[in-house]
Amino acid sequence: MSTSAKDSRIALRTSNETKTRLKEAARKTDQDLSSFILDAANSRARQVLMEEQIMRLSDRDFKLVEEMIANPPEPNEALRELVRKHAQND
C-alpha cells in the first residue's frame, strides 16, 4: 500500500456478521480492520482494472491466432526491408 498522505475518507455500513468476519480475518493477518478492508479493496480494484486491459478474442479469432503462430506466413517484402533497415542501424 502507498505511504502517501491519507486525506480521503470512505464510510461503510454492513451487517454485524460481515463486520465480525472481517475483523477476524484482519486479526489473523495482523492488520487493523481498516487496513484489511483497504488492502482487499485495492487488490480487487487492481484485478478489475487489469482484466479490462486483457485482450479478449472470439473462438474464431483465437483459432486464427493459434494457426498463425503454428504456421507463420512467409515474410513479405515490406518485412524484409524493415529487417534490413533495422540491421543497418545496429
C-alpha atoms as a PDB file:
ATOM      1  CA  MET A   1       0.000   0.000   0.000  1.00  0.00           C
ATOM      2  CA  SER A   2       1.189   3.519  -0.745  1.00  0.00           C
ATOM      3  CA  THR A   3       2.705   5.622   2.005  1.00  0.00           C
ATOM      4  CA  SER A   4       1.183   8.866   0.673  1.00  0.00           C
ATOM      5  CA  ALA A   5      -0.898  11.073   2.942  1.00  0.00           C
ATOM      6  CA  LYS A   6      -4.296   9.713   3.803  1.00  0.00           C
ATOM      7  CA  ASP A   7      -6.598  12.642   3.154  1.00  0.00           C
ATOM      8  CA  SER A   8      -9.775  10.907   1.962  1.00  0.00           C
ATOM      9  CA  ARG A   9     -12.345   9.008   3.949  1.00  0.00           C
ATOM     10  CA  ILE A  10     -14.641   6.119   2.953  1.00  0.00           C
ATOM     11  CA  ALA A  11     -17.572   5.208   5.184  1.00  0.00           C
ATOM     12  CA  LEU A  12     -19.175   1.761   5.060  1.00  0.00           C
ATOM     13  CA  ARG A  13     -22.236   0.227   6.654  1.00  0.00           C
ATOM     14  CA  THR A  14     -22.531  -3.531   6.953  1.00  0.00           C
ATOM     15  CA  SER A  15     -24.166  -6.274   8.951  1.00  0.00           C
ATOM     16  CA  ASN A  16     -22.749  -7.374  12.306  1.00  0.00           C
ATOM     17  CA  GLU A  17     -21.996 -10.781  10.778  1.00  0.00           C
ATOM     18  CA  THR A  18     -19.892  -9.275   7.985  1.00  0.00           C
ATOM     19  CA  LYS A  19     -18.090  -6.938  10.378  1.00  0.00           C
ATOM     20  CA  THR A  20     -17.267  -9.849  12.698  1.00  0.00           C
ATOM     21  CA  ARG A  21     -15.931 -11.916   9.788  1.00  0.00           C
ATOM     22  CA  LEU A  22     -13.797  -9.036   8.511  1.00  0.00           C
ATOM     23  CA  LYS A  23     -12.421  -8.295  11.979  1.00  0.00           C
ATOM     24  CA  GLU A  24     -11.483 -11.948  12.456  1.00  0.00           C
ATOM     25  CA  ALA A  25      -9.738 -12.082   9.092  1.00  0.00           C
ATOM     26  CA  ALA A  26      -7.922  -8.813   9.848  1.00  0.00           C
ATOM     27  CA  ARG A  27      -6.779 -10.182  13.205  1.00  0.00           C
ATOM     28  CA  LYS A  28      -5.460 -13.355  11.559  1.00  0.00           C
ATOM     29  CA  THR A  29      -3.373 -11.241   9.182  1.00  0.00           C
ATOM     30  CA  ASP A  30      -2.144  -8.910  11.955  1.00  0.00           C
ATOM     31  CA  GLN A  31      -3.916  -5.905  10.458  1.00  0.00           C
ATOM     32  CA  ASP A  32      -6.428  -3.481  11.831  1.00  0.00           C
ATOM     33  CA  LEU A  33      -9.879  -3.628  10.250  1.00  0.00           C
ATOM     34  CA  SER A  34      -9.431  -0.524   8.095  1.00  0.00           C
ATOM     35  CA  SER A  35      -6.101  -1.722   6.678  1.00  0.00           C
ATOM     36  CA  PHE A  36      -7.529  -5.160   5.948  1.00  0.00           C
ATOM     37  CA  ILE A  37     -10.549  -3.758   4.112  1.00  0.00           C
ATOM     38  CA  LEU A  38      -8.443  -1.244   2.198  1.00  0.00           C
ATOM     39  CA  ASP A  39      -5.902  -3.897   1.150  1.00  0.00           C
ATOM     40  CA  ALA A  40      -8.678  -6.234  -0.010  1.00  0.00           C
ATOM     41  CA  ALA A  41     -10.465  -3.466  -1.918  1.00  0.00           C
ATOM     42  CA  ASN A  42      -7.225  -2.296  -3.557  1.00  0.00           C
ATOM     43  CA  SER A  43      -6.371  -5.846  -4.589  1.00  0.00           C
ATOM     44  CA  ARG A  44      -9.792  -6.322  -6.167  1.00  0.00           C
ATOM     45  CA  ALA A  45      -9.612  -2.922  -7.876  1.00  0.00           C
ATOM     46  CA  ARG A  46      -6.245  -3.791  -9.441  1.00  0.00           C
ATOM     47  CA  GLN A  47      -7.674  -7.111 -10.636  1.00  0.00           C
ATOM     48  CA  VAL A  48     -10.719  -5.472 -12.224  1.00  0.00           C
ATOM     49  CA  LEU A  49      -8.613  -2.822 -13.963  1.00  0.00           C
ATOM     50  CA  MET A  50      -6.094  -5.391 -15.195  1.00  0.00           C
ATOM     51  CA  GLU A  51      -8.846  -7.606 -16.602  1.00  0.00           C
ATOM     52  CA  GLU A  52     -10.134  -4.614 -18.531  1.00  0.00           C
ATOM     53  CA  GLN A  53      -6.777  -4.349 -20.303  1.00  0.00           C
ATOM     54  CA  ILE A  54      -6.617  -8.014 -21.321  1.00  0.00           C
ATOM     55  CA  MET A  55      -7.413  -8.658 -24.965  1.00  0.00           C
ATOM     56  CA  ARG A  56     -10.367 -10.927 -25.450  1.00  0.00           C
ATOM     57  CA  LEU A  57     -10.747 -12.919 -28.661  1.00  0.00           C
ATOM     58  CA  SER A  58     -13.682 -14.785 -30.075  1.00  0.00           C
ATOM     59  CA  ASP A  59     -13.172 -18.532 -30.534  1.00  0.00           C
ATOM     60  CA  ARG A  60     -12.750 -17.951 -34.271  1.00  0.00           C
ATOM     61  CA  ASP A  61     -10.100 -15.258 -33.778  1.00  0.00           C
ATOM     62  CA  PHE A  62      -8.286 -17.323 -31.148  1.00  0.00           C
ATOM     63  CA  LYS A  63      -8.053 -20.259 -33.563  1.00  0.00           C
ATOM     64  CA  LEU A  64      -6.752 -17.909 -36.266  1.00  0.00           C
ATOM     65  CA  VAL A  65      -4.009 -16.602 -33.934  1.00  0.00           C
ATOM     66  CA  GLU A  66      -3.112 -20.162 -32.932  1.00  0.00           C
ATOM     67  CA  GLU A  67      -2.864 -21.147 -36.593  1.00  0.00           C
ATOM     68  CA  MET A  68      -0.651 -18.166 -37.428  1.00  0.00           C
ATOM     69  CA  ILE A  69       1.682 -18.987 -34.520  1.00  0.00           C
ATOM     70  CA  ALA A  70       1.881 -22.637 -35.538  1.00  0.00           C
ATOM     71  CA  ASN A  71       2.259 -21.845 -39.249  1.00  0.00           C
ATOM     72  CA  PRO A  72       3.542 -18.305 -39.698  1.00  0.00           C
ATOM     73  CA  PRO A  73       3.262 -16.820 -43.186  1.00  0.00           C
ATOM     74  CA  GLU A  74       6.384 -16.190 -45.252  1.00  0.00           C
ATOM     75  CA  PRO A  75       7.799 -12.686 -44.731  1.00  0.00           C
ATOM     76  CA  ASN A  76       6.706 -10.210 -47.374  1.00  0.00           C
ATOM     77  CA  GLU A  77       8.931  -7.577 -48.987  1.00  0.00           C
ATOM     78  CA  ALA A  78       7.917  -4.858 -46.530  1.00  0.00           C
ATOM     79  CA  LEU A  79       9.011  -7.026 -43.588  1.00  0.00           C
ATOM     80  CA  ARG A  80      12.296  -7.933 -45.319  1.00  0.00           C
ATOM     81  CA  GLU A  81      13.001  -4.225 -45.901  1.00  0.00           C
ATOM     82  CA  LEU A  82      12.219  -3.401 -42.277  1.00  0.00           C
ATOM     83  CA  VAL A  83      14.640  -6.094 -41.095  1.00  0.00           C
ATOM     84  CA  ARG A  84      17.345  -4.759 -43.457  1.00  0.00           C
ATOM     85  CA  LYS A  85      16.908  -1.203 -42.116  1.00  0.00           C
ATOM     86  CA  HIS A  86      16.994  -2.424 -38.527  1.00  0.00           C
ATOM     87  CA  ALA A  87      20.160  -4.432 -39.182  1.00  0.00           C
ATOM     88  CA  GLN A  88      21.852  -1.364 -40.682  1.00  0.00           C
ATOM     89  CA  ASN A  89      21.058   0.716 -37.589  1.00  0.00           C
ATOM     90  CA  ASP A  90      22.713  -1.773 -35.208  1.00  0.00           C
END
